[in-house]
């Protein structure tokens, strides 16, 4: 296992107008929410969970995405409820959220 139990990367890429990109779907806001939520759960200590911004993860046409390592599970999401489900089910308890997986 690496330094973190789970490492979450939100694609926050911003492309030229008219090109699909995750940031046009609130990715920065969702990343900030996930980071705050991991702190409120006390999951942000060393060795636990890290929530990061990423550049392009090259799947922008599938909606906003994030990836959870070490499982390499890629998810799409619509709103904070989806992000909350990913945090609670996968990040905290290690259970893949099949309905959001891409």
PDB file of N, CA and C in Angstrom:
ATOM      1  N   UNK A   1       0.839  -1.176   0.000  1.00  0.00           N
ATOM      2  CA  UNK A   1       0.000   0.000   0.000  1.00  0.00           C
ATOM      3  C   UNK A   1       0.884   1.238   0.000  1.00  0.00           C
ATOM      4  N   UNK A   2       0.395   2.294  -0.650  1.00  0.00           N
ATOM      5  CA  UNK A   2       1.129   3.546  -0.710  1.00  0.00           C
ATOM      6  C   UNK A   2       0.996   4.341   0.577  1.00  0.00           C
ATOM      7  N   UNK A   3       1.392   5.583   0.497  1.00  0.00           N
ATOM      8  CA  UNK A   3       1.366   6.465   1.662  1.00  0.00           C
ATOM      9  C   UNK A   3      -0.047   6.706   2.166  1.00  0.00           C
ATOM     10  N   UNK A   4      -1.017   6.821   1.251  1.00  0.00           N
ATOM     11  CA  UNK A   4      -2.403   7.057   1.625  1.00  0.00           C
ATOM     12  C   UNK A   4      -3.226   5.794   1.479  1.00  0.00           C
ATOM     13  N   UNK A   5      -4.195   5.634   2.364  1.00  0.00           N
ATOM     14  CA  UNK A   5      -5.121   4.518   2.242  1.00  0.00           C
ATOM     15  C   UNK A   5      -5.932   4.680   0.954  1.00  0.00           C
ATOM     16  N   UNK A   6      -6.397   5.897   0.681  1.00  0.00           N
ATOM     17  CA  UNK A   6      -7.102   6.225  -0.558  1.00  0.00           C
ATOM     18  C   UNK A   6      -6.593   7.578  -1.049  1.00  0.00           C
ATOM     19  N   UNK A   7      -6.441   7.698  -2.345  1.00  0.00           N
ATOM     20  CA  UNK A   7      -6.007   8.948  -2.968  1.00  0.00           C
ATOM     21  C   UNK A   7      -7.018   9.243  -4.067  1.00  0.00           C
ATOM     22  N   UNK A   8      -7.710  10.374  -3.951  1.00  0.00           N
ATOM     23  CA  UNK A   8      -8.789  10.728  -4.859  1.00  0.00           C
ATOM     24  C   UNK A   8      -8.355  11.904  -5.733  1.00  0.00           C
ATOM     25  N   UNK A   9      -8.497  11.738  -7.040  1.00  0.00           N
ATOM     26  CA  UNK A   9      -8.155  12.789  -7.996  1.00  0.00           C
ATOM     27  C   UNK A   9      -9.412  13.213  -8.757  1.00  0.00           C
ATOM     28  N   UNK A  10      -9.738  14.497  -8.679  1.00  0.00           N
ATOM     29  CA  UNK A  10     -10.841  15.081  -9.439  1.00  0.00           C
ATOM     30  C   UNK A  10     -10.268  15.722 -10.689  1.00  0.00           C
ATOM     31  N   UNK A  11     -10.762  15.340 -11.853  1.00  0.00           N
ATOM     32  CA  UNK A  11     -10.373  16.027 -13.076  1.00  0.00           C
ATOM     33  C   UNK A  11     -10.941  17.435 -12.993  1.00  0.00           C
ATOM     34  N   UNK A  12     -10.072  18.430 -13.018  1.00  0.00           N
ATOM     35  CA  UNK A  12     -10.478  19.835 -12.959  1.00  0.00           C
ATOM     36  C   UNK A  12     -10.012  20.578 -14.202  1.00  0.00           C
ATOM     37  N   UNK A  13      -9.839  19.836 -15.269  1.00  0.00           N
ATOM     38  CA  UNK A  13      -9.339  20.411 -16.505  1.00  0.00           C
ATOM     39  C   UNK A  13     -10.312  21.430 -17.089  1.00  0.00           C
ATOM     40  N   UNK A  14      -9.757  22.511 -17.619  1.00  0.00           N
ATOM     41  CA  UNK A  14     -10.561  23.512 -18.318  1.00  0.00           C
ATOM     42  C   UNK A  14     -10.073  23.579 -19.759  1.00  0.00           C
ATOM     43  N   UNK A  15     -10.932  23.206 -20.691  1.00  0.00           N
ATOM     44  CA  UNK A  15     -10.599  23.247 -22.117  1.00  0.00           C
ATOM     45  C   UNK A  15     -11.152  24.511 -22.755  1.00  0.00           C
ATOM     46  N   UNK A  16     -10.833  24.666 -24.020  1.00  0.00           N
ATOM     47  CA  UNK A  16     -11.342  25.793 -24.796  1.00  0.00           C
ATOM     48  C   UNK A  16     -12.872  25.734 -24.843  1.00  0.00           C
ATOM     49  N   UNK A  17     -13.536  26.890 -25.016  1.00  0.00           N
ATOM     50  CA  UNK A  17     -15.001  26.888 -25.141  1.00  0.00           C
ATOM     51  C   UNK A  17     -15.466  25.906 -26.224  1.00  0.00           C
ATOM     52  N   UNK A  18     -16.599  25.290 -25.964  1.00  0.00           N
ATOM     53  CA  UNK A  18     -17.251  24.313 -26.840  1.00  0.00           C
ATOM     54  C   UNK A  18     -16.608  22.929 -26.809  1.00  0.00           C
ATOM     55  N   UNK A  19     -15.508  22.751 -26.087  1.00  0.00           N
ATOM     56  CA  UNK A  19     -14.923  21.419 -25.897  1.00  0.00           C
ATOM     57  C   UNK A  19     -15.384  20.895 -24.541  1.00  0.00           C
ATOM     58  N   UNK A  20     -15.752  19.625 -24.484  1.00  0.00           N
ATOM     59  CA  UNK A  20     -16.187  19.024 -23.225  1.00  0.00           C
ATOM     60  C   UNK A  20     -15.051  19.051 -22.208  1.00  0.00           C
ATOM     61  N   UNK A  21     -15.382  19.448 -20.990  1.00  0.00           N
ATOM     62  CA  UNK A  21     -14.391  19.388 -19.920  1.00  0.00           C
ATOM     63  C   UNK A  21     -15.085  19.282 -18.564  1.00  0.00           C
ATOM     64  N   UNK A  22     -14.427  18.642 -17.648  1.00  0.00           N
ATOM     65  CA  UNK A  22     -15.002  18.392 -16.330  1.00  0.00           C
ATOM     66  C   UNK A  22     -15.248  19.673 -15.541  1.00  0.00           C
ATOM     67  N   UNK A  23     -14.401  20.650 -15.712  1.00  0.00           N
ATOM     68  CA  UNK A  23     -14.555  21.873 -14.939  1.00  0.00           C
ATOM     69  C   UNK A  23     -15.838  22.619 -15.293  1.00  0.00           C
ATOM     70  N   UNK A  24     -16.364  22.412 -16.492  1.00  0.00           N
ATOM     71  CA  UNK A  24     -17.640  23.031 -16.864  1.00  0.00           C
ATOM     72  C   UNK A  24     -18.814  22.419 -16.102  1.00  0.00           C
ATOM     73  N   UNK A  25     -18.582  21.332 -15.400  1.00  0.00           N
ATOM     74  CA  UNK A  25     -19.625  20.654 -14.617  1.00  0.00           C
ATOM     75  C   UNK A  25     -19.395  20.804 -13.117  1.00  0.00           C
ATOM     76  N   UNK A  26     -18.667  21.831 -12.715  1.00  0.00           N
ATOM     77  CA  UNK A  26     -18.479  22.107 -11.290  1.00  0.00           C
ATOM     78  C   UNK A  26     -17.422  21.273 -10.612  1.00  0.00           C
ATOM     79  N   UNK A  27     -16.444  20.787 -11.350  1.00  0.00           N
ATOM     80  CA  UNK A  27     -15.431  19.903 -10.771  1.00  0.00           C
ATOM     81  C   UNK A  27     -14.653  20.564  -9.634  1.00  0.00           C
ATOM     82  N   UNK A  28     -14.283  21.820  -9.782  1.00  0.00           N
ATOM     83  CA  UNK A  28     -13.533  22.493  -8.709  1.00  0.00           C
ATOM     84  C   UNK A  28     -14.359  22.585  -7.431  1.00  0.00           C
ATOM     85  N   UNK A  29     -15.639  22.895  -7.581  1.00  0.00           N
ATOM     86  CA  UNK A  29     -16.526  22.962  -6.418  1.00  0.00           C
ATOM     87  C   UNK A  29     -16.670  21.595  -5.749  1.00  0.00           C
ATOM     88  N   UNK A  30     -16.814  20.549  -6.563  1.00  0.00           N
ATOM     89  CA  UNK A  30     -16.973  19.205  -6.009  1.00  0.00           C
ATOM     90  C   UNK A  30     -15.691  18.726  -5.332  1.00  0.00           C
ATOM     91  N   UNK A  31     -14.535  19.078  -5.892  1.00  0.00           N
ATOM     92  CA  UNK A  31     -13.258  18.719  -5.276  1.00  0.00           C
ATOM     93  C   UNK A  31     -13.120  19.413  -3.933  1.00  0.00           C
ATOM     94  N   UNK A  32     -13.475  20.690  -3.863  1.00  0.00           N
ATOM     95  CA  UNK A  32     -13.407  21.437  -2.601  1.00  0.00           C
ATOM     96  C   UNK A  32     -14.366  20.834  -1.583  1.00  0.00           C
ATOM     97  N   UNK A  33     -15.553  20.435  -2.019  1.00  0.00           N
ATOM     98  CA  UNK A  33     -16.515  19.799  -1.131  1.00  0.00           C
ATOM     99  C   UNK A  33     -15.959  18.486  -0.581  1.00  0.00           C
ATOM    100  N   UNK A  34     -15.400  17.662  -1.459  1.00  0.00           N
ATOM    101  CA  UNK A  34     -14.849  16.372  -1.027  1.00  0.00           C
ATOM    102  C   UNK A  34     -13.707  16.572  -0.036  1.00  0.00           C
ATOM    103  N   UNK A  35     -12.884  17.558  -0.278  1.00  0.00           N
ATOM    104  CA  UNK A  35     -11.762  17.840   0.620  1.00  0.00           C
ATOM    105  C   UNK A  35     -12.275  18.261   1.998  1.00  0.00           C
ATOM    106  N   UNK A  36     -13.260  19.150   1.999  1.00  0.00           N
ATOM    107  CA  UNK A  36     -13.860  19.590   3.265  1.00  0.00           C
ATOM    108  C   UNK A  36     -14.522  18.420   3.981  1.00  0.00           C
ATOM    109  N   UNK A  37     -15.207  17.582   3.221  1.00  0.00           N
ATOM    110  CA  UNK A  37     -15.903  16.429   3.813  1.00  0.00           C
ATOM    111  C   UNK A  37     -14.909  15.442   4.421  1.00  0.00           C
ATOM    112  N   UNK A  38     -13.790  15.200   3.758  1.00  0.00           N
ATOM    113  CA  UNK A  38     -12.793  14.282   4.318  1.00  0.00           C
ATOM    114  C   UNK A  38     -12.205  14.857   5.606  1.00  0.00           C
ATOM    115  N   UNK A  39     -12.056  16.165   5.670  1.00  0.00           N
ATOM    116  CA  UNK A  39     -11.585  16.800   6.914  1.00  0.00           C
ATOM    117  C   UNK A  39     -12.610  16.646   8.026  1.00  0.00           C
ATOM    118  N   UNK A  40     -13.885  16.844   7.698  1.00  0.00           N
ATOM    119  CA  UNK A  40     -14.920  16.722   8.729  1.00  0.00           C
ATOM    120  C   UNK A  40     -15.031  15.287   9.251  1.00  0.00           C
ATOM    121  N   UNK A  41     -14.662  14.329   8.424  1.00  0.00           N
ATOM    122  CA  UNK A  41     -14.658  12.915   8.842  1.00  0.00           C
ATOM    123  C   UNK A  41     -13.334  12.511   9.487  1.00  0.00           C
ATOM    124  N   UNK A  42     -12.413  13.475   9.567  1.00  0.00           N
ATOM    125  CA  UNK A  42     -11.072  13.239  10.121  1.00  0.00           C
ATOM    126  C   UNK A  42     -10.306  12.185   9.324  1.00  0.00           C
ATOM    127  N   UNK A  43     -10.542  12.197   8.021  1.00  0.00           N
ATOM    128  CA  UNK A  43      -9.862  11.264   7.129  1.00  0.00           C
ATOM    129  C   UNK A  43      -8.658  11.913   6.462  1.00  0.00           C
ATOM    130  N   UNK A  44      -8.386  13.167   6.774  1.00  0.00           N
ATOM    131  CA  UNK A  44      -7.322  13.904   6.085  1.00  0.00           C
ATOM    132  C   UNK A  44      -5.972  13.811   6.782  1.00  0.00           C
ATOM    133  N   UNK A  45      -5.862  13.021   7.839  1.00  0.00           N
ATOM    134  CA  UNK A  45      -4.579  12.855   8.521  1.00  0.00           C
ATOM    135  C   UNK A  45      -3.598  12.100   7.633  1.00  0.00           C
ATOM    136  N   UNK A  46      -2.318  12.236   7.937  1.00  0.00           N
ATOM    137  CA  UNK A  46      -1.288  11.536   7.168  1.00  0.00           C
ATOM    138  C   UNK A  46      -1.586  10.049   7.108  1.00  0.00           C
ATOM    139  N   UNK A  47      -1.435   9.506   5.912  1.00  0.00           N
ATOM    140  CA  UNK A  47      -1.629   8.078   5.723  1.00  0.00           C
ATOM    141  C   UNK A  47      -3.062   7.651   5.507  1.00  0.00           C
ATOM    142  N   UNK A  48      -4.027   8.581   5.597  1.00  0.00           N
ATOM    143  CA  UNK A  48      -5.431   8.201   5.435  1.00  0.00           C
ATOM    144  C   UNK A  48      -5.928   8.511   4.029  1.00  0.00           C
ATOM    145  N   UNK A  49      -6.484   9.698   3.822  1.00  0.00           N
ATOM    146  CA  UNK A  49      -7.089  10.045   2.537  1.00  0.00           C
ATOM    147  C   UNK A  49      -6.548  11.380   2.057  1.00  0.00           C
ATOM    148  N   UNK A  50      -6.301  11.458   0.774  1.00  0.00           N
ATOM    149  CA  UNK A  50      -5.858  12.702   0.145  1.00  0.00           C
ATOM    150  C   UNK A  50      -6.800  12.987  -1.014  1.00  0.00           C
ATOM    151  N   UNK A  51      -7.308  14.212  -1.071  1.00  0.00           N
ATOM    152  CA  UNK A  51      -8.197  14.646  -2.142  1.00  0.00           C
ATOM    153  C   UNK A  51      -7.434  15.686  -2.960  1.00  0.00           C
ATOM    154  N   UNK A  52      -7.218  15.402  -4.245  1.00  0.00           N
ATOM    155  CA  UNK A  52      -6.430  16.291  -5.099  1.00  0.00           C
ATOM    156  C   UNK A  52      -7.179  16.695  -6.352  1.00  0.00           C
ATOM    157  N   UNK A  53      -6.712  17.804  -6.942  1.00  0.00           N
ATOM    158  CA  UNK A  53      -7.126  18.212  -8.278  1.00  0.00           C
ATOM    159  C   UNK A  53      -6.185  17.523  -9.258  1.00  0.00           C
ATOM    160  N   UNK A  54      -6.709  17.196 -10.402  1.00  0.00           N
ATOM    161  CA  UNK A  54      -5.882  16.622 -11.464  1.00  0.00           C
ATOM    162  C   UNK A  54      -6.117  17.410 -12.738  1.00  0.00           C
ATOM    163  N   UNK A  55      -5.156  17.328 -13.621  1.00  0.00           N
ATOM    164  CA  UNK A  55      -5.363  17.848 -14.966  1.00  0.00           C
ATOM    165  C   UNK A  55      -6.274  16.879 -15.696  1.00  0.00           C
ATOM    166  N   UNK A  56      -6.248  16.907 -16.978  1.00  0.00           N
ATOM    167  CA  UNK A  56      -7.145  16.077 -17.771  1.00  0.00           C
ATOM    168  C   UNK A  56      -6.908  14.585 -17.532  1.00  0.00           C
ATOM    169  N   UNK A  57      -7.994  13.879 -17.227  1.00  0.00           N
ATOM    170  CA  UNK A  57      -7.942  12.420 -17.096  1.00  0.00           C
ATOM    171  C   UNK A  57      -8.440  11.753 -18.383  1.00  0.00           C
ATOM    172  N   UNK A  58      -8.661  12.571 -19.417  1.00  0.00           N
ATOM    173  CA  UNK A  58      -8.966  12.127 -20.783  1.00  0.00           C
ATOM    174  C   UNK A  58     -10.260  11.328 -20.907  1.00  0.00           C
ATOM    175  N   UNK A  59     -11.262  11.676 -20.102  1.00  0.00           N
ATOM    176  CA  UNK A  59     -12.575  11.036 -20.236  1.00  0.00           C
ATOM    177  C   UNK A  59     -13.679  12.076 -20.089  1.00  0.00           C
ATOM    178  N   UNK A  60     -13.380  13.294 -20.512  1.00  0.00           N
ATOM    179  CA  UNK A  60     -14.294  14.420 -20.325  1.00  0.00           C
ATOM    180  C   UNK A  60     -15.650  14.213 -20.991  1.00  0.00           C
ATOM    181  N   UNK A  61     -15.706  13.436 -22.057  1.00  0.00           N
ATOM    182  CA  UNK A  61     -16.982  13.199 -22.729  1.00  0.00           C
ATOM    183  C   UNK A  61     -17.935  12.354 -21.894  1.00  0.00           C
ATOM    184  N   UNK A  62     -17.438  11.753 -20.817  1.00  0.00           N
ATOM    185  CA  UNK A  62     -18.279  10.924 -19.957  1.00  0.00           C
ATOM    186  C   UNK A  62     -18.778  11.695 -18.748  1.00  0.00           C
ATOM    187  N   UNK A  63     -18.642  13.006 -18.790  1.00  0.00           N
ATOM    188  CA  UNK A  63     -19.091  13.842 -17.680  1.00  0.00           C
ATOM    189  C   UNK A  63     -17.954  14.110 -16.729  1.00  0.00           C
ATOM    190  N   UNK A  64     -18.200  14.851 -15.662  1.00  0.00           N
ATOM    191  CA  UNK A  64     -17.123  15.084 -14.716  1.00  0.00           C
ATOM    192  C   UNK A  64     -16.699  13.750 -14.110  1.00  0.00           C
ATOM    193  N   UNK A  65     -15.398  13.578 -13.924  1.00  0.00           N
ATOM    194  CA  UNK A  65     -14.924  12.305 -13.389  1.00  0.00           C
ATOM    195  C   UNK A  65     -13.933  12.513 -12.258  1.00  0.00           C
ATOM    196  N   UNK A  66     -13.807  11.465 -11.482  1.00  0.00           N
ATOM    197  CA  UNK A  66     -12.777  11.380 -10.456  1.00  0.00           C
ATOM    198  C   UNK A  66     -12.289   9.947 -10.431  1.00  0.00           C
ATOM    199  N   UNK A  67     -11.119   9.744  -9.882  1.00  0.00           N
ATOM    200  CA  UNK A  67     -10.569   8.396  -9.775  1.00  0.00           C
ATOM    201  C   UNK A  67     -10.083   8.197  -8.342  1.00  0.00           C
ATOM    202  N   UNK A  68     -10.345   7.007  -7.808  1.00  0.00           N
ATOM    203  CA  UNK A  68      -9.939   6.650  -6.447  1.00  0.00           C
ATOM    204  C   UNK A  68      -8.874   5.571  -6.531  1.00  0.00           C
ATOM    205  N   UNK A  69      -7.700   5.876  -6.004  1.00  0.00           N
ATOM    206  CA  UNK A  69      -6.602   4.915  -5.920  1.00  0.00           C
ATOM    207  C   UNK A  69      -6.461   4.452  -4.485  1.00  0.00           C
ATOM    208  N   UNK A  70      -5.999   3.236  -4.246  1.00  0.00           N
ATOM    209  CA  UNK A  70      -5.258   2.368  -5.143  1.00  0.00           C
ATOM    210  C   UNK A  70      -6.142   1.490  -6.029  1.00  0.00           C
ATOM    211  N   UNK A  71      -7.449   1.622  -5.935  1.00  0.00           N
ATOM    212  CA  UNK A  71      -8.354   0.747  -6.677  1.00  0.00           C
ATOM    213  C   UNK A  71      -8.506   1.116  -8.149  1.00  0.00           C
ATOM    214  N   UNK A  72      -8.038   2.306  -8.531  1.00  0.00           N
ATOM    215  CA  UNK A  72      -8.170   2.806  -9.903  1.00  0.00           C
ATOM    216  C   UNK A  72      -9.625   2.788 -10.361  1.00  0.00           C
ATOM    217  N   UNK A  73     -10.542   3.076  -9.455  1.00  0.00           N
ATOM    218  CA  UNK A  73     -11.968   3.141  -9.774  1.00  0.00           C
ATOM    219  C   UNK A  73     -12.290   4.533 -10.279  1.00  0.00           C
ATOM    220  N   UNK A  74     -12.841   4.589 -11.483  1.00  0.00           N
ATOM    221  CA  UNK A  74     -13.212   5.870 -12.089  1.00  0.00           C
ATOM    222  C   UNK A  74     -14.711   6.048 -11.980  1.00  0.00           C
ATOM    223  N   UNK A  75     -15.094   7.255 -11.554  1.00  0.00           N
ATOM    224  CA  UNK A  75     -16.499   7.565 -11.342  1.00  0.00           C
ATOM    225  C   UNK A  75     -16.889   8.835 -12.079  1.00  0.00           C
ATOM    226  N   UNK A  76     -18.172   8.911 -12.413  1.00  0.00           N
ATOM    227  CA  UNK A  76     -18.774  10.168 -12.813  1.00  0.00           C
ATOM    228  C   UNK A  76     -19.698  10.578 -11.677  1.00  0.00           C
ATOM    229  N   UNK A  77     -20.120  11.825 -11.675  1.00  0.00           N
ATOM    230  CA  UNK A  77     -21.004  12.327 -10.629  1.00  0.00           C
ATOM    231  C   UNK A  77     -21.798  13.492 -11.188  1.00  0.00           C
ATOM    232  N   UNK A  78     -22.936  13.765 -10.556  1.00  0.00           N
ATOM    233  CA  UNK A  78     -23.783  14.862 -10.978  1.00  0.00           C
ATOM    234  C   UNK A  78     -23.764  15.990  -9.953  1.00  0.00           C
ATOM    235  N   UNK A  79     -23.772  15.616  -8.667  1.00  0.00           N
ATOM    236  CA  UNK A  79     -23.900  16.620  -7.619  1.00  0.00           C
ATOM    237  C   UNK A  79     -23.228  16.147  -6.327  1.00  0.00           C
ATOM    238  N   UNK A  80     -23.410  16.926  -5.274  1.00  0.00           N
ATOM    239  CA  UNK A  80     -22.790  16.614  -3.982  1.00  0.00           C
ATOM    240  C   UNK A  80     -23.286  15.287  -3.419  1.00  0.00           C
ATOM    241  N   UNK A  81     -24.515  14.914  -3.734  1.00  0.00           N
ATOM    242  CA  UNK A  81     -25.038  13.637  -3.235  1.00  0.00           C
ATOM    243  C   UNK A  81     -24.239  12.468  -3.804  1.00  0.00           C
ATOM    244  N   UNK A  82     -23.894  12.547  -5.087  1.00  0.00           N
ATOM    245  CA  UNK A  82     -23.073  11.500  -5.703  1.00  0.00           C
ATOM    246  C   UNK A  82     -21.676  11.477  -5.097  1.00  0.00           C
ATOM    247  N   UNK A  83     -21.078  12.654  -4.923  1.00  0.00           N
ATOM    248  CA  UNK A  83     -19.738  12.732  -4.324  1.00  0.00           C
ATOM    249  C   UNK A  83     -19.781  12.201  -2.904  1.00  0.00           C
ATOM    250  N   UNK A  84     -20.821  12.542  -2.165  1.00  0.00           N
ATOM    251  CA  UNK A  84     -20.980  12.044  -0.788  1.00  0.00           C
ATOM    252  C   UNK A  84     -21.078  10.523  -0.778  1.00  0.00           C
ATOM    253  N   UNK A  85     -21.807   9.953  -1.719  1.00  0.00           N
ATOM    254  CA  UNK A  85     -21.935   8.494  -1.796  1.00  0.00           C
ATOM    255  C   UNK A  85     -20.585   7.837  -2.088  1.00  0.00           C
ATOM    256  N   UNK A  86     -19.805   8.432  -2.977  1.00  0.00           N
ATOM    257  CA  UNK A  86     -18.470   7.907  -3.279  1.00  0.00           C
ATOM    258  C   UNK A  86     -17.578   7.985  -2.047  1.00  0.00           C
ATOM    259  N   UNK A  87     -17.632   9.101  -1.340  1.00  0.00           N
ATOM    260  CA  UNK A  87     -16.814   9.248  -0.128  1.00  0.00           C
ATOM    261  C   UNK A  87     -17.220   8.218   0.910  1.00  0.00           C
ATOM    262  N   UNK A  88     -18.519   8.152   1.196  1.00  0.00           N
ATOM    263  CA  UNK A  88     -18.982   7.243   2.246  1.00  0.00           C
ATOM    264  C   UNK A  88     -18.761   5.778   1.882  1.00  0.00           C
ATOM    265  N   UNK A  89     -19.169   5.394   0.683  1.00  0.00           N
ATOM    266  CA  UNK A  89     -19.078   3.980   0.309  1.00  0.00           C
ATOM    267  C   UNK A  89     -17.659   3.532  -0.019  1.00  0.00           C
ATOM    268  N   UNK A  90     -16.982   4.271  -0.891  1.00  0.00           N
ATOM    269  CA  UNK A  90     -15.675   3.807  -1.363  1.00  0.00           C
ATOM    270  C   UNK A  90     -14.516   4.325  -0.519  1.00  0.00           C
ATOM    271  N   UNK A  91     -14.453   5.631  -0.353  1.00  0.00           N
ATOM    272  CA  UNK A  91     -13.299   6.204   0.333  1.00  0.00           C
ATOM    273  C   UNK A  91     -13.246   5.756   1.790  1.00  0.00           C
ATOM    274  N   UNK A  92     -14.370   5.778   2.473  1.00  0.00           N
ATOM    275  CA  UNK A  92     -14.397   5.397   3.890  1.00  0.00           C
ATOM    276  C   UNK A  92     -14.464   3.885   4.078  1.00  0.00           C
ATOM    277  N   UNK A  93     -15.367   3.220   3.342  1.00  0.00           N
ATOM    278  CA  UNK A  93     -15.614   1.795   3.596  1.00  0.00           C
ATOM    279  C   UNK A  93     -15.050   0.836   2.550  1.00  0.00           C
ATOM    280  N   UNK A  94     -14.461   1.348   1.477  1.00  0.00           N
ATOM    281  CA  UNK A  94     -13.825   0.479   0.490  1.00  0.00           C
ATOM    282  C   UNK A  94     -14.772  -0.248  -0.442  1.00  0.00           C
ATOM    283  N   UNK A  95     -16.031   0.205  -0.530  1.00  0.00           N
ATOM    284  CA  UNK A  95     -17.025  -0.437  -1.391  1.00  0.00           C
ATOM    285  C   UNK A  95     -17.203   0.374  -2.673  1.00  0.00           C
ATOM    286  N   UNK A  96     -17.002  -0.254  -3.815  1.00  0.00           N
ATOM    287  CA  UNK A  96     -17.176   0.393  -5.113  1.00  0.00           C
ATOM    288  C   UNK A  96     -18.645   0.807  -5.282  1.00  0.00           C
ATOM    289  N   UNK A  97     -18.883   1.986  -5.826  1.00  0.00           N
ATOM    290  CA  UNK A  97     -20.225   2.474  -6.112  1.00  0.00           C
ATOM    291  C   UNK A  97     -20.513   2.170  -7.582  1.00  0.00           C
ATOM    292  N   UNK A  98     -21.101   1.025  -7.830  1.00  0.00           N
ATOM    293  CA  UNK A  98     -21.296   0.530  -9.190  1.00  0.00           C
ATOM    294  C   UNK A  98     -22.110   1.474 -10.063  1.00  0.00           C
ATOM    295  N   UNK A  99     -23.136   2.114  -9.520  1.00  0.00           N
ATOM    296  CA  UNK A  99     -24.007   2.958 -10.324  1.00  0.00           C
ATOM    297  C   UNK A  99     -23.301   4.202 -10.879  1.00  0.00           C
ATOM    298  N   UNK A 100     -22.188   4.608 -10.273  1.00  0.00           N
ATOM    299  CA  UNK A 100     -21.458   5.794 -10.722  1.00  0.00           C
ATOM    300  C   UNK A 100     -20.146   5.461 -11.428  1.00  0.00           C
ATOM    301  N   UNK A 101     -19.801   4.193 -11.462  1.00  0.00           N
ATOM    302  CA  UNK A 101     -18.527   3.769 -12.057  1.00  0.00           C
ATOM    303  C   UNK A 101     -18.557   3.906 -13.569  1.00  0.00           C
ATOM    304  N   UNK A 102     -17.444   4.364 -14.140  1.00  0.00           N
ATOM    305  CA  UNK A 102     -17.324   4.426 -15.595  1.00  0.00           C
ATOM    306  C   UNK A 102     -16.126   3.607 -16.039  1.00  0.00           C
TER     307      UNK A 102
END
